[in-house]
Amino acid sequence: MIDPAVKDINTHSDYTVEWTQRKTGCKVTHLTFIFDKKEPKPPPKPRIKEACINGVPKSKIQKLARKGESWEDAAFRIKAEKLAAKSH
């Protein structure tokens, strides 16, 4: 009965909670709850859409282009290699 409530608190609130029970003899006489404030999550970094050529990001083309290869030729080759790797 307590576990679903603890799970909801841990999932949906700014706190985490843990609990234990203490017994006297065979009977549970105490419940102990420990609450901690969660550290705030940093906001997600905005994603900057990168320029692409033929669906390949320019940063990837820059890394994988061969000497003397144009941006368009490199993009076409990289995309073709990716498709060939997927088909295997």
PDB file of N, CA and C in Angstrom:
ATOM      1  N   MET A   1       0.811  -1.201   0.000  1.00  0.00           N
ATOM      2  CA  MET A   1       0.000   0.000   0.000  1.00  0.00           C
ATOM      3  C   MET A   1       0.856   1.268   0.000  1.00  0.00           C
ATOM      4  N   ILE A   2       1.975   1.221   0.655  1.00  0.00           N
ATOM      5  CA  ILE A   2       2.833   2.399   0.726  1.00  0.00           C
ATOM      6  C   ILE A   2       3.669   2.531  -0.537  1.00  0.00           C
ATOM      7  N   ASP A   3       4.113   1.414  -1.102  1.00  0.00           N
ATOM      8  CA  ASP A   3       5.016   1.452  -2.255  1.00  0.00           C
ATOM      9  C   ASP A   3       4.463   2.228  -3.450  1.00  0.00           C
ATOM     10  N   PRO A   4       3.196   2.082  -3.840  1.00  0.00           N
ATOM     11  CA  PRO A   4       2.692   2.886  -4.967  1.00  0.00           C
ATOM     12  C   PRO A   4       2.761   4.395  -4.680  1.00  0.00           C
ATOM     13  N   ALA A   5       2.468   4.789  -3.446  1.00  0.00           N
ATOM     14  CA  ALA A   5       2.524   6.207  -3.089  1.00  0.00           C
ATOM     15  C   ALA A   5       3.959   6.710  -3.130  1.00  0.00           C
ATOM     16  N   VAL A   6       4.891   5.919  -2.623  1.00  0.00           N
ATOM     17  CA  VAL A   6       6.301   6.295  -2.652  1.00  0.00           C
ATOM     18  C   VAL A   6       6.776   6.424  -4.100  1.00  0.00           C
ATOM     19  N   LYS A   7       6.366   5.486  -4.946  1.00  0.00           N
ATOM     20  CA  LYS A   7       6.751   5.534  -6.359  1.00  0.00           C
ATOM     21  C   LYS A   7       6.214   6.802  -7.018  1.00  0.00           C
ATOM     22  N   ASP A   8       4.978   7.167  -6.738  1.00  0.00           N
ATOM     23  CA  ASP A   8       4.385   8.382  -7.303  1.00  0.00           C
ATOM     24  C   ASP A   8       5.129   9.631  -6.831  1.00  0.00           C
ATOM     25  N   ILE A   9       5.467   9.677  -5.547  1.00  0.00           N
ATOM     26  CA  ILE A   9       6.208  10.824  -5.014  1.00  0.00           C
ATOM     27  C   ILE A   9       7.564  10.924  -5.707  1.00  0.00           C
ATOM     28  N   ASN A  10       8.264   9.800  -5.823  1.00  0.00           N
ATOM     29  CA  ASN A  10       9.587   9.807  -6.446  1.00  0.00           C
ATOM     30  C   ASN A  10       9.523  10.190  -7.919  1.00  0.00           C
ATOM     31  N   THR A  11       8.449   9.830  -8.593  1.00  0.00           N
ATOM     32  CA  THR A  11       8.309  10.096 -10.020  1.00  0.00           C
ATOM     33  C   THR A  11       7.819  11.507 -10.305  1.00  0.00           C
ATOM     34  N   HIS A  12       6.853  11.990  -9.539  1.00  0.00           N
ATOM     35  CA  HIS A  12       6.135  13.209  -9.917  1.00  0.00           C
ATOM     36  C   HIS A  12       6.400  14.432  -9.033  1.00  0.00           C
ATOM     37  N   SER A  13       7.252  14.315  -8.049  1.00  0.00           N
ATOM     38  CA  SER A  13       7.469  15.476  -7.179  1.00  0.00           C
ATOM     39  C   SER A  13       8.927  15.910  -7.203  1.00  0.00           C
ATOM     40  N   ASP A  14       9.200  16.981  -6.485  1.00  0.00           N
ATOM     41  CA  ASP A  14      10.563  17.487  -6.360  1.00  0.00           C
ATOM     42  C   ASP A  14      11.324  16.782  -5.240  1.00  0.00           C
ATOM     43  N   TYR A  15      10.758  15.707  -4.711  1.00  0.00           N
ATOM     44  CA  TYR A  15      11.372  14.990  -3.595  1.00  0.00           C
ATOM     45  C   TYR A  15      11.530  13.506  -3.910  1.00  0.00           C
ATOM     46  N   THR A  16      12.486  12.889  -3.223  1.00  0.00           N
ATOM     47  CA  THR A  16      12.573  11.428  -3.220  1.00  0.00           C
ATOM     48  C   THR A  16      12.268  10.988  -1.802  1.00  0.00           C
ATOM     49  N   VAL A  17      11.663   9.845  -1.680  1.00  0.00           N
ATOM     50  CA  VAL A  17      11.321   9.340  -0.357  1.00  0.00           C
ATOM     51  C   VAL A  17      11.726   7.870  -0.263  1.00  0.00           C
ATOM     52  N   GLU A  18      12.267   7.519   0.872  1.00  0.00           N
ATOM     53  CA  GLU A  18      12.568   6.127   1.199  1.00  0.00           C
ATOM     54  C   GLU A  18      11.876   5.840   2.529  1.00  0.00           C
ATOM     55  N   TRP A  19      11.536   4.596   2.732  1.00  0.00           N
ATOM     56  CA  TRP A  19      10.903   4.269   3.996  1.00  0.00           C
ATOM     57  C   TRP A  19      11.373   2.916   4.501  1.00  0.00           C
ATOM     58  N   THR A  20      11.328   2.758   5.803  1.00  0.00           N
ATOM     59  CA  THR A  20      11.638   1.476   6.456  1.00  0.00           C
ATOM     60  C   THR A  20      10.607   1.266   7.554  1.00  0.00           C
ATOM     61  N   GLN A  21      10.547   0.044   8.008  1.00  0.00           N
ATOM     62  CA  GLN A  21       9.642  -0.260   9.118  1.00  0.00           C
ATOM     63  C   GLN A  21      10.449  -0.779  10.306  1.00  0.00           C
ATOM     64  N   ARG A  22       9.966  -0.466  11.496  1.00  0.00           N
ATOM     65  CA  ARG A  22      10.594  -0.956  12.712  1.00  0.00           C
ATOM     66  C   ARG A  22       9.610  -1.845  13.441  1.00  0.00           C
ATOM     67  N   LYS A  23      10.127  -2.945  13.933  1.00  0.00           N
ATOM     68  CA  LYS A  23       9.259  -3.904  14.613  1.00  0.00           C
ATOM     69  C   LYS A  23       9.605  -3.978  16.094  1.00  0.00           C
ATOM     70  N   THR A  24       8.583  -4.200  16.880  1.00  0.00           N
ATOM     71  CA  THR A  24       8.743  -4.546  18.285  1.00  0.00           C
ATOM     72  C   THR A  24       8.138  -5.930  18.411  1.00  0.00           C
ATOM     73  N   GLY A  25       9.001  -6.904  18.585  1.00  0.00           N
ATOM     74  CA  GLY A  25       8.525  -8.283  18.551  1.00  0.00           C
ATOM     75  C   GLY A  25       8.162  -8.622  17.118  1.00  0.00           C
ATOM     76  N   CYS A  26       6.963  -9.145  16.923  1.00  0.00           N
ATOM     77  CA  CYS A  26       6.516  -9.509  15.573  1.00  0.00           C
ATOM     78  C   CYS A  26       5.698  -8.414  14.905  1.00  0.00           C
ATOM     79  N   LYS A  27       5.341  -7.364  15.675  1.00  0.00           N
ATOM     80  CA  LYS A  27       4.478  -6.318  15.129  1.00  0.00           C
ATOM     81  C   LYS A  27       5.292  -5.139  14.623  1.00  0.00           C
ATOM     82  N   VAL A  28       4.829  -4.574  13.506  1.00  0.00           N
ATOM     83  CA  VAL A  28       5.407  -3.336  13.005  1.00  0.00           C
ATOM     84  C   VAL A  28       4.852  -2.211  13.872  1.00  0.00           C
ATOM     85  N   THR A  29       5.758  -1.462  14.510  1.00  0.00           N
ATOM     86  CA  THR A  29       5.319  -0.393  15.404  1.00  0.00           C
ATOM     87  C   THR A  29       5.651   1.007  14.876  1.00  0.00           C
ATOM     88  N   HIS A  30       6.616   1.097  13.956  1.00  0.00           N
ATOM     89  CA  HIS A  30       7.014   2.403  13.449  1.00  0.00           C
ATOM     90  C   HIS A  30       7.298   2.323  11.949  1.00  0.00           C
ATOM     91  N   LEU A  31       6.976   3.383  11.268  1.00  0.00           N
ATOM     92  CA  LEU A  31       7.408   3.564   9.890  1.00  0.00           C
ATOM     93  C   LEU A  31       8.286   4.808   9.878  1.00  0.00           C
ATOM     94  N   THR A  32       9.436   4.698   9.233  1.00  0.00           N
ATOM     95  CA  THR A  32      10.356   5.819   9.141  1.00  0.00           C
ATOM     96  C   THR A  32      10.443   6.242   7.682  1.00  0.00           C
ATOM     97  N   PHE A  33      10.224   7.522   7.442  1.00  0.00           N
ATOM     98  CA  PHE A  33      10.294   8.076   6.095  1.00  0.00           C
ATOM     99  C   PHE A  33      11.450   9.053   6.028  1.00  0.00           C
ATOM    100  N   ILE A  34      12.215   8.976   4.942  1.00  0.00           N
ATOM    101  CA  ILE A  34      13.316   9.907   4.706  1.00  0.00           C
ATOM    102  C   ILE A  34      13.031  10.620   3.393  1.00  0.00           C
ATOM    103  N   PHE A  35      12.915  11.941   3.462  1.00  0.00           N
ATOM    104  CA  PHE A  35      12.645  12.760   2.283  1.00  0.00           C
ATOM    105  C   PHE A  35      13.896  13.550   1.927  1.00  0.00           C
ATOM    106  N   ASP A  36      14.220  13.584   0.656  1.00  0.00           N
ATOM    107  CA  ASP A  36      15.319  14.402   0.154  1.00  0.00           C
ATOM    108  C   ASP A  36      14.807  15.216  -1.023  1.00  0.00           C
ATOM    109  N   LYS A  37      15.273  16.461  -1.100  1.00  0.00           N
ATOM    110  CA  LYS A  37      14.908  17.300  -2.240  1.00  0.00           C
ATOM    111  C   LYS A  37      15.772  16.894  -3.431  1.00  0.00           C
ATOM    112  N   LYS A  38      15.137  16.711  -4.581  1.00  0.00           N
ATOM    113  CA  LYS A  38      15.870  16.352  -5.796  1.00  0.00           C
ATOM    114  C   LYS A  38      16.649  17.553  -6.294  1.00  0.00           C
ATOM    115  N   GLU A  39      17.800  17.274  -6.904  1.00  0.00           N
ATOM    116  CA  GLU A  39      18.558  18.330  -7.563  1.00  0.00           C
ATOM    117  C   GLU A  39      17.806  18.712  -8.832  1.00  0.00           C
ATOM    118  N   PRO A  40      17.664  19.996  -9.099  1.00  0.00           N
ATOM    119  CA  PRO A  40      16.954  20.375 -10.323  1.00  0.00           C
ATOM    120  C   PRO A  40      17.732  19.940 -11.558  1.00  0.00           C
ATOM    121  N   LYS A  41      17.006  19.451 -12.534  1.00  0.00           N
ATOM    122  CA  LYS A  41      17.634  19.043 -13.789  1.00  0.00           C
ATOM    123  C   LYS A  41      17.943  20.287 -14.600  1.00  0.00           C
ATOM    124  N   PRO A  42      19.132  20.329 -15.205  1.00  0.00           N
ATOM    125  CA  PRO A  42      19.423  21.490 -16.049  1.00  0.00           C
ATOM    126  C   PRO A  42      18.521  21.465 -17.281  1.00  0.00           C
ATOM    127  N   PRO A  43      18.161  22.635 -17.768  1.00  0.00           N
ATOM    128  CA  PRO A  43      17.299  22.655 -18.954  1.00  0.00           C
ATOM    129  C   PRO A  43      18.038  22.043 -20.143  1.00  0.00           C
ATOM    130  N   PRO A  44      17.315  21.388 -21.026  1.00  0.00           N
ATOM    131  CA  PRO A  44      17.986  20.784 -22.185  1.00  0.00           C
ATOM    132  C   PRO A  44      18.612  21.851 -23.068  1.00  0.00           C
ATOM    133  N   LYS A  45      19.769  21.496 -23.616  1.00  0.00           N
ATOM    134  CA  LYS A  45      20.450  22.427 -24.506  1.00  0.00           C
ATOM    135  C   LYS A  45      19.688  22.498 -25.819  1.00  0.00           C
ATOM    136  N   PRO A  46      19.528  23.696 -26.337  1.00  0.00           N
ATOM    137  CA  PRO A  46      18.820  23.795 -27.618  1.00  0.00           C
ATOM    138  C   PRO A  46      19.656  23.152 -28.726  1.00  0.00           C
ATOM    139  N   ARG A  47      18.984  22.397 -29.551  1.00  0.00           N
ATOM    140  CA  ARG A  47      19.672  21.747 -30.665  1.00  0.00           C
ATOM    141  C   ARG A  47      19.687  22.695 -31.854  1.00  0.00           C
ATOM    142  N   ILE A  48      20.866  22.905 -32.354  1.00  0.00           N
ATOM    143  CA  ILE A  48      21.016  23.754 -33.530  1.00  0.00           C
ATOM    144  C   ILE A  48      21.013  22.843 -34.747  1.00  0.00           C
ATOM    145  N   LYS A  49      20.105  23.113 -35.647  1.00  0.00           N
ATOM    146  CA  LYS A  49      20.014  22.289 -36.843  1.00  0.00           C
ATOM    147  C   LYS A  49      21.213  22.590 -37.739  1.00  0.00           C
ATOM    148  N   GLU A  50      21.950  21.539 -38.039  1.00  0.00           N
ATOM    149  CA  GLU A  50      23.169  21.681 -38.827  1.00  0.00           C
ATOM    150  C   GLU A  50      22.847  21.621 -40.317  1.00  0.00           C
ATOM    151  N   ALA A  51      23.589  22.399 -41.073  1.00  0.00           N
ATOM    152  CA  ALA A  51      23.412  22.391 -42.522  1.00  0.00           C
ATOM    153  C   ALA A  51      23.836  21.031 -43.077  1.00  0.00           C
ATOM    154  N   CYS A  52      23.079  20.550 -44.051  1.00  0.00           N
ATOM    155  CA  CYS A  52      23.341  19.241 -44.654  1.00  0.00           C
ATOM    156  C   CYS A  52      23.455  19.384 -46.168  1.00  0.00           C
ATOM    157  N   ILE A  53      24.149  18.443 -46.732  1.00  0.00           N
ATOM    158  CA  ILE A  53      24.208  18.307 -48.183  1.00  0.00           C
ATOM    159  C   ILE A  53      23.815  16.871 -48.480  1.00  0.00           C
ATOM    160  N   ASN A  54      22.762  16.697 -49.263  1.00  0.00           N
ATOM    161  CA  ASN A  54      22.246  15.370 -49.609  1.00  0.00           C
ATOM    162  C   ASN A  54      21.908  14.561 -48.345  1.00  0.00           C
ATOM    163  N   GLY A  55      21.445  15.251 -47.298  1.00  0.00           N
ATOM    164  CA  GLY A  55      21.058  14.580 -46.064  1.00  0.00           C
ATOM    165  C   GLY A  55      22.217  14.219 -45.151  1.00  0.00           C
ATOM    166  N   VAL A  56      23.429  14.651 -45.464  1.00  0.00           N
ATOM    167  CA  VAL A  56      24.608  14.356 -44.646  1.00  0.00           C
ATOM    168  C   VAL A  56      25.077  15.661 -44.006  1.00  0.00           C
ATOM    169  N   PRO A  57      25.208  15.698 -42.666  1.00  0.00           N
ATOM    170  CA  PRO A  57      25.661  16.927 -42.002  1.00  0.00           C
ATOM    171  C   PRO A  57      27.039  17.349 -42.489  1.00  0.00           C
ATOM    172  N   LYS A  58      27.227  18.665 -42.616  1.00  0.00           N
ATOM    173  CA  LYS A  58      28.505  19.186 -43.106  1.00  0.00           C
ATOM    174  C   LYS A  58      29.676  18.777 -42.216  1.00  0.00           C
ATOM    175  N   SER A  59      29.449  18.685 -40.896  1.00  0.00           N
ATOM    176  CA  SER A  59      30.545  18.290 -40.000  1.00  0.00           C
ATOM    177  C   SER A  59      31.012  16.867 -40.310  1.00  0.00           C
ATOM    178  N   LYS A  60      30.081  15.991 -40.673  1.00  0.00           N
ATOM    179  CA  LYS A  60      30.445  14.615 -41.022  1.00  0.00           C
ATOM    180  C   LYS A  60      31.182  14.577 -42.356  1.00  0.00           C
ATOM    181  N   ILE A  61      30.733  15.393 -43.302  1.00  0.00           N
ATOM    182  CA  ILE A  61      31.407  15.469 -44.598  1.00  0.00           C
ATOM    183  C   ILE A  61      32.839  15.950 -44.406  1.00  0.00           C
ATOM    184  N   GLN A  62      33.002  16.963 -43.556  1.00  0.00           N
ATOM    185  CA  GLN A  62      34.319  17.533 -43.316  1.00  0.00           C
ATOM    186  C   GLN A  62      35.272  16.475 -42.745  1.00  0.00           C
ATOM    187  N   LYS A  63      34.770  15.596 -41.890  1.00  0.00           N
ATOM    188  CA  LYS A  63      35.605  14.548 -41.287  1.00  0.00           C
ATOM    189  C   LYS A  63      35.944  13.440 -42.276  1.00  0.00           C
ATOM    190  N   LEU A  64      34.982  13.105 -43.155  1.00  0.00           N
ATOM    191  CA  LEU A  64      35.125  11.911 -43.985  1.00  0.00           C
ATOM    192  C   LEU A  64      35.479  12.190 -45.446  1.00  0.00           C
ATOM    193  N   ALA A  65      35.520  13.453 -45.831  1.00  0.00           N
ATOM    194  CA  ALA A  65      35.818  13.772 -47.237  1.00  0.00           C
ATOM    195  C   ALA A  65      37.249  13.389 -47.583  1.00  0.00           C
ATOM    196  N   ARG A  66      37.401  12.916 -48.797  1.00  0.00           N
ATOM    197  CA  ARG A  66      38.732  12.565 -49.297  1.00  0.00           C
ATOM    198  C   ARG A  66      39.362  13.792 -49.948  1.00  0.00           C
ATOM    199  N   LYS A  67      40.669  13.779 -50.037  1.00  0.00           N
ATOM    200  CA  LYS A  67      41.402  14.913 -50.600  1.00  0.00           C
ATOM    201  C   LYS A  67      40.934  15.172 -52.037  1.00  0.00           C
ATOM    202  N   GLY A  68      40.604  16.433 -52.322  1.00  0.00           N
ATOM    203  CA  GLY A  68      40.179  16.833 -53.653  1.00  0.00           C
ATOM    204  C   GLY A  68      38.719  16.544 -53.956  1.00  0.00           C
ATOM    205  N   GLU A  69      37.984  15.924 -53.043  1.00  0.00           N
ATOM    206  CA  GLU A  69      36.579  15.564 -53.248  1.00  0.00           C
ATOM    207  C   GLU A  69      35.696  16.775 -52.939  1.00  0.00           C
ATOM    208  N   SER A  70      34.713  17.044 -53.795  1.00  0.00           N
ATOM    209  CA  SER A  70      33.800  18.164 -53.527  1.00  0.00           C
ATOM    210  C   SER A  70      32.852  17.777 -52.397  1.00  0.00           C
ATOM    211  N   TRP A  71      32.223  18.796 -51.808  1.00  0.00           N
ATOM    212  CA  TRP A  71      31.266  18.551 -50.734  1.00  0.00           C
ATOM    213  C   TRP A  71      30.136  17.636 -51.214  1.00  0.00           C
ATOM    214  N   GLU A  72      29.640  17.902 -52.408  1.00  0.00           N
ATOM    215  CA  GLU A  72      28.525  17.118 -52.945  1.00  0.00           C
ATOM    216  C   GLU A  72      28.938  15.676 -53.210  1.00  0.00           C
ATOM    217  N   ASP A  73      30.128  15.487 -53.808  1.00  0.00           N
ATOM    218  CA  ASP A  73      30.606  14.125 -54.075  1.00  0.00           C
ATOM    219  C   ASP A  73      30.830  13.359 -52.782  1.00  0.00           C
ATOM    220  N   ALA A  74      31.406  14.027 -51.795  1.00  0.00           N
ATOM    221  CA  ALA A  74      31.646  13.371 -50.501  1.00  0.00           C
ATOM    222  C   ALA A  74      30.325  12.985 -49.849  1.00  0.00           C
ATOM    223  N   ALA A  75      29.341  13.888 -49.889  1.00  0.00           N
ATOM    224  CA  ALA A  75      28.031  13.599 -49.294  1.00  0.00           C
ATOM    225  C   ALA A  75      27.379  12.415 -49.988  1.00  0.00           C
ATOM    226  N   PHE A  76      27.441  12.384 -51.304  1.00  0.00           N
ATOM    227  CA  PHE A  76      26.849  11.282 -52.056  1.00  0.00           C
ATOM    228  C   PHE A  76      27.522   9.953 -51.686  1.00  0.00           C
ATOM    229  N   ARG A  77      28.877   9.953 -51.608  1.00  0.00           N
ATOM    230  CA  ARG A  77      29.612   8.730 -51.270  1.00  0.00           C
ATOM    231  C   ARG A  77      29.298   8.266 -49.841  1.00  0.00           C
ATOM    232  N   ILE A  78      29.281   9.199 -48.896  1.00  0.00           N
ATOM    233  CA  ILE A  78      29.008   8.850 -47.495  1.00  0.00           C
ATOM    234  C   ILE A  78      27.614   8.254 -47.361  1.00  0.00           C
ATOM    235  N   LYS A  79      26.643   8.867 -48.014  1.00  0.00           N
ATOM    236  CA  LYS A  79      25.272   8.362 -47.947  1.00  0.00           C
ATOM    237  C   LYS A  79      25.180   6.977 -48.584  1.00  0.00           C
ATOM    238  N   ALA A  80      25.860   6.777 -49.718  1.00  0.00           N
ATOM    239  CA  ALA A  80      25.832   5.473 -50.395  1.00  0.00           C
ATOM    240  C   ALA A  80      26.490   4.408 -49.517  1.00  0.00           C
ATOM    241  N   GLU A  81      27.588   4.750 -48.850  1.00  0.00           N
ATOM    242  CA  GLU A  81      28.259   3.789 -47.957  1.00  0.00           C
ATOM    243  C   GLU A  81      27.363   3.430 -46.767  1.00  0.00           C
ATOM    244  N   LYS A  82      26.648   4.413 -46.248  1.00  0.00           N
ATOM    245  CA  LYS A  82      25.746   4.154 -45.133  1.00  0.00           C
ATOM    246  C   LYS A  82      24.621   3.219 -45.559  1.00  0.00           C
ATOM    247  N   LEU A  83      24.049   3.458 -46.728  1.00  0.00           N
ATOM    248  CA  LEU A  83      22.974   2.595 -47.236  1.00  0.00           C
ATOM    249  C   LEU A  83      23.483   1.189 -47.515  1.00  0.00           C
ATOM    250  N   ALA A  84      24.713   1.070 -48.046  1.00  0.00           N
ATOM    251  CA  ALA A  84      25.279  -0.244 -48.319  1.00  0.00           C
ATOM    252  C   ALA A  84      25.523  -1.001 -47.024  1.00  0.00           C
ATOM    253  N   ALA A  85      25.955  -0.311 -45.980  1.00  0.00           N
ATOM    254  CA  ALA A  85      26.190  -0.955 -44.680  1.00  0.00           C
ATOM    255  C   ALA A  85      24.889  -1.448 -44.060  1.00  0.00           C
ATOM    256  N   LYS A  86      23.798  -0.694 -44.259  1.00  0.00           N
ATOM    257  CA  LYS A  86      22.491  -1.096 -43.727  1.00  0.00           C
ATOM    258  C   LYS A  86      21.957  -2.343 -44.406  1.00  0.00           C
ATOM    259  N   SER A  87      22.254  -2.491 -45.694  1.00  0.00           N
ATOM    260  CA  SER A  87      21.694  -3.616 -46.458  1.00  0.00           C
ATOM    261  C   SER A  87      22.405  -4.931 -46.141  1.00  0.00           C
ATOM    262  N   HIS A  88      23.530  -4.889 -45.452  1.00  0.00           N
ATOM    263  CA  HIS A  88      24.246  -6.127 -45.120  1.00  0.00           C
ATOM    264  C   HIS A  88      23.760  -6.698 -43.869  1.00  0.00           C
TER     265      HIS A  88
END
